[in-house]
Amino acid sequence: MATKVLDITKEHCPMTFVKTKIELAKLSEGDILEVLLTEGEPLNNVPRNATEQGFNVLSVEHVEGVVHKVVIKK
């Protein structure tokens, strides 16, 4: 099982989930993607969209300032 980190803190919707989905597509089943994103639309949309696409959102945690980390298992 591999873990990859994706930093989309400088991206805006809809690119936040597009980039997340591209990275998830590169992973093997069971791999983990840690997505660093900002609060607001990205924090609301990425976990919801990942769940709707059938991925397992393991956690959503505050990192610092407006940055959060969403951990998604493929």
N, C-alpha and C. Protein backbone atom coordinates (compact mmCIF):
# COMPACT_ATOMS: atom_id res chain seq x y z
N MET A 1 0.85 -1.19 0.00
CA MET A 1 0.00 0.00 0.00
C MET A 1 0.89 1.24 0.00
N ALA A 2 0.64 2.14 -0.92
CA ALA A 2 1.43 3.36 -1.06
C ALA A 2 0.60 4.57 -0.63
N THR A 3 1.30 5.61 -0.18
CA THR A 3 0.63 6.87 0.16
C THR A 3 1.23 7.97 -0.70
N LYS A 4 0.37 8.74 -1.33
CA LYS A 4 0.81 9.86 -2.16
C LYS A 4 0.18 11.14 -1.61
N VAL A 5 0.92 12.25 -1.69
CA VAL A 5 0.41 13.53 -1.23
C VAL A 5 0.16 14.43 -2.44
N LEU A 6 -1.00 15.06 -2.46
CA LEU A 6 -1.38 15.99 -3.52
C LEU A 6 -1.71 17.33 -2.88
N ASP A 7 -0.98 18.38 -3.28
CA ASP A 7 -1.22 19.72 -2.75
C ASP A 7 -2.02 20.53 -3.76
N ILE A 8 -3.29 20.80 -3.44
CA ILE A 8 -4.14 21.60 -4.33
C ILE A 8 -4.56 22.89 -3.63
N THR A 9 -3.74 23.36 -2.70
CA THR A 9 -4.08 24.57 -1.94
C THR A 9 -4.14 25.81 -2.82
N LYS A 10 -3.49 25.79 -3.98
CA LYS A 10 -3.50 26.95 -4.87
C LYS A 10 -4.56 26.82 -5.98
N GLU A 11 -5.28 25.69 -5.99
CA GLU A 11 -6.29 25.44 -7.03
C GLU A 11 -7.66 25.91 -6.58
N HIS A 12 -8.54 26.10 -7.55
CA HIS A 12 -9.93 26.50 -7.27
C HIS A 12 -10.87 25.52 -7.96
N CYS A 13 -12.07 25.40 -7.43
CA CYS A 13 -13.07 24.53 -8.04
C CYS A 13 -13.35 25.02 -9.45
N PRO A 14 -13.58 24.14 -10.42
CA PRO A 14 -13.71 22.69 -10.25
C PRO A 14 -12.38 21.94 -10.36
N MET A 15 -11.27 22.65 -10.53
CA MET A 15 -9.98 21.97 -10.72
C MET A 15 -9.55 21.16 -9.50
N THR A 16 -10.04 21.51 -8.31
CA THR A 16 -9.61 20.79 -7.11
C THR A 16 -9.97 19.31 -7.22
N PHE A 17 -11.23 19.01 -7.57
CA PHE A 17 -11.59 17.60 -7.66
C PHE A 17 -11.07 16.96 -8.93
N VAL A 18 -10.96 17.71 -10.02
CA VAL A 18 -10.39 17.15 -11.27
C VAL A 18 -8.98 16.64 -10.99
N LYS A 19 -8.15 17.45 -10.34
CA LYS A 19 -6.78 17.03 -10.05
C LYS A 19 -6.76 15.86 -9.06
N THR A 20 -7.67 15.89 -8.08
CA THR A 20 -7.76 14.79 -7.12
C THR A 20 -8.12 13.50 -7.83
N LYS A 21 -9.11 13.56 -8.73
CA LYS A 21 -9.56 12.37 -9.46
C LYS A 21 -8.45 11.81 -10.35
N ILE A 22 -7.68 12.69 -11.00
CA ILE A 22 -6.56 12.24 -11.84
C ILE A 22 -5.54 11.48 -11.00
N GLU A 23 -5.21 12.01 -9.82
CA GLU A 23 -4.24 11.34 -8.94
C GLU A 23 -4.79 10.00 -8.45
N LEU A 24 -6.07 9.97 -8.08
CA LEU A 24 -6.67 8.72 -7.63
C LEU A 24 -6.63 7.66 -8.73
N ALA A 25 -6.82 8.08 -9.96
CA ALA A 25 -6.80 7.14 -11.08
C ALA A 25 -5.43 6.48 -11.24
N LYS A 26 -4.37 7.17 -10.84
CA LYS A 26 -3.01 6.65 -10.97
C LYS A 26 -2.68 5.63 -9.88
N LEU A 27 -3.45 5.62 -8.80
CA LEU A 27 -3.15 4.75 -7.66
C LEU A 27 -3.68 3.34 -7.86
N SER A 28 -3.09 2.42 -7.14
CA SER A 28 -3.59 1.04 -7.12
C SER A 28 -4.67 0.92 -6.05
N GLU A 29 -5.50 -0.10 -6.19
CA GLU A 29 -6.55 -0.36 -5.21
C GLU A 29 -5.93 -0.48 -3.82
N GLY A 30 -6.49 0.23 -2.85
CA GLY A 30 -5.99 0.17 -1.48
C GLY A 30 -4.96 1.24 -1.14
N ASP A 31 -4.45 1.95 -2.16
CA ASP A 31 -3.50 3.04 -1.91
C ASP A 31 -4.21 4.23 -1.28
N ILE A 32 -3.42 5.09 -0.66
CA ILE A 32 -3.94 6.26 0.05
C ILE A 32 -3.48 7.54 -0.65
N LEU A 33 -4.40 8.50 -0.78
CA LEU A 33 -4.06 9.82 -1.30
C LEU A 33 -4.37 10.84 -0.21
N GLU A 34 -3.34 11.59 0.19
CA GLU A 34 -3.52 12.68 1.16
C GLU A 34 -3.60 13.98 0.36
N VAL A 35 -4.75 14.63 0.42
CA VAL A 35 -4.99 15.85 -0.35
C VAL A 35 -4.94 17.06 0.58
N LEU A 36 -4.01 17.97 0.30
CA LEU A 36 -3.94 19.22 1.05
C LEU A 36 -4.76 20.26 0.29
N LEU A 37 -5.73 20.87 0.97
CA LEU A 37 -6.61 21.83 0.31
C LEU A 37 -7.01 22.92 1.29
N THR A 38 -7.67 23.95 0.76
CA THR A 38 -8.08 25.06 1.61
C THR A 38 -9.55 24.91 1.99
N GLU A 39 -9.93 25.63 3.06
CA GLU A 39 -11.33 25.56 3.48
C GLU A 39 -12.21 26.29 2.49
N GLY A 40 -13.50 26.09 2.64
CA GLY A 40 -14.45 26.65 1.68
C GLY A 40 -14.86 25.59 0.68
N GLU A 41 -15.00 26.00 -0.58
CA GLU A 41 -15.46 25.07 -1.63
C GLU A 41 -14.63 23.79 -1.73
N PRO A 42 -13.28 23.88 -1.78
CA PRO A 42 -12.51 22.64 -1.90
C PRO A 42 -12.77 21.68 -0.73
N LEU A 43 -12.81 22.20 0.49
CA LEU A 43 -13.04 21.35 1.67
C LEU A 43 -14.44 20.75 1.66
N ASN A 44 -15.41 21.49 1.13
CA ASN A 44 -16.78 20.97 1.04
C ASN A 44 -16.92 19.96 -0.09
N ASN A 45 -16.30 20.25 -1.24
CA ASN A 45 -16.55 19.47 -2.44
C ASN A 45 -15.69 18.22 -2.60
N VAL A 46 -14.39 18.29 -2.28
CA VAL A 46 -13.51 17.15 -2.55
C VAL A 46 -13.94 15.90 -1.77
N PRO A 47 -14.16 15.98 -0.44
CA PRO A 47 -14.59 14.76 0.26
C PRO A 47 -15.94 14.24 -0.24
N ARG A 48 -16.88 15.15 -0.50
CA ARG A 48 -18.21 14.73 -0.98
C ARG A 48 -18.10 14.05 -2.35
N ASN A 49 -17.36 14.68 -3.27
CA ASN A 49 -17.21 14.12 -4.61
C ASN A 49 -16.47 12.79 -4.57
N ALA A 50 -15.46 12.68 -3.73
CA ALA A 50 -14.72 11.42 -3.63
C ALA A 50 -15.65 10.30 -3.16
N THR A 51 -16.48 10.60 -2.17
CA THR A 51 -17.43 9.60 -1.67
C THR A 51 -18.43 9.22 -2.75
N GLU A 52 -18.94 10.22 -3.48
CA GLU A 52 -19.90 9.96 -4.55
C GLU A 52 -19.29 9.10 -5.66
N GLN A 53 -17.97 9.22 -5.87
CA GLN A 53 -17.27 8.45 -6.90
C GLN A 53 -16.89 7.04 -6.41
N GLY A 54 -17.22 6.74 -5.15
CA GLY A 54 -16.98 5.40 -4.63
C GLY A 54 -15.67 5.23 -3.88
N PHE A 55 -14.99 6.34 -3.59
CA PHE A 55 -13.75 6.25 -2.82
C PHE A 55 -14.08 6.36 -1.33
N ASN A 56 -13.16 5.90 -0.49
CA ASN A 56 -13.36 5.89 0.95
C ASN A 56 -12.61 7.06 1.58
N VAL A 57 -13.32 8.05 2.08
CA VAL A 57 -12.69 9.19 2.76
C VAL A 57 -12.43 8.75 4.19
N LEU A 58 -11.13 8.58 4.52
CA LEU A 58 -10.75 8.07 5.84
C LEU A 58 -10.78 9.16 6.90
N SER A 59 -10.35 10.38 6.55
CA SER A 59 -10.34 11.45 7.54
C SER A 59 -10.26 12.80 6.86
N VAL A 60 -10.72 13.80 7.59
CA VAL A 60 -10.59 15.21 7.20
C VAL A 60 -10.06 15.91 8.44
N GLU A 61 -8.87 16.51 8.33
CA GLU A 61 -8.29 17.14 9.51
C GLU A 61 -7.70 18.51 9.18
N HIS A 62 -7.73 19.37 10.17
CA HIS A 62 -7.16 20.71 10.03
C HIS A 62 -5.65 20.62 10.16
N VAL A 63 -4.90 21.27 9.26
CA VAL A 63 -3.44 21.26 9.31
C VAL A 63 -2.96 22.54 9.98
N GLU A 64 -3.15 23.68 9.31
CA GLU A 64 -2.85 24.98 9.91
C GLU A 64 -3.47 26.07 9.07
N GLY A 65 -3.83 27.18 9.71
CA GLY A 65 -4.46 28.27 8.98
C GLY A 65 -5.72 27.79 8.28
N VAL A 66 -5.78 28.00 6.96
CA VAL A 66 -6.95 27.57 6.18
C VAL A 66 -6.71 26.23 5.49
N VAL A 67 -5.58 25.59 5.77
CA VAL A 67 -5.22 24.33 5.10
C VAL A 67 -5.75 23.13 5.88
N HIS A 68 -6.35 22.21 5.14
CA HIS A 68 -6.86 20.96 5.70
C HIS A 68 -6.28 19.79 4.89
N LYS A 69 -6.34 18.61 5.49
CA LYS A 69 -5.88 17.40 4.81
C LYS A 69 -7.03 16.41 4.76
N VAL A 70 -7.31 15.94 3.54
CA VAL A 70 -8.34 14.91 3.35
C VAL A 70 -7.61 13.63 2.94
N VAL A 71 -7.84 12.55 3.68
CA VAL A 71 -7.19 11.28 3.40
C VAL A 71 -8.21 10.37 2.72
N ILE A 72 -7.88 9.95 1.49
CA ILE A 72 -8.81 9.16 0.66
C ILE A 72 -8.14 7.83 0.32
N LYS A 73 -8.88 6.74 0.50
CA LYS A 73 -8.38 5.40 0.13
C LYS A 73 -9.07 4.97 -1.15
N LYS A 74 -8.26 4.50 -2.10
CA LYS A 74 -8.83 4.04 -3.37
C LYS A 74 -9.38 2.64 -3.20
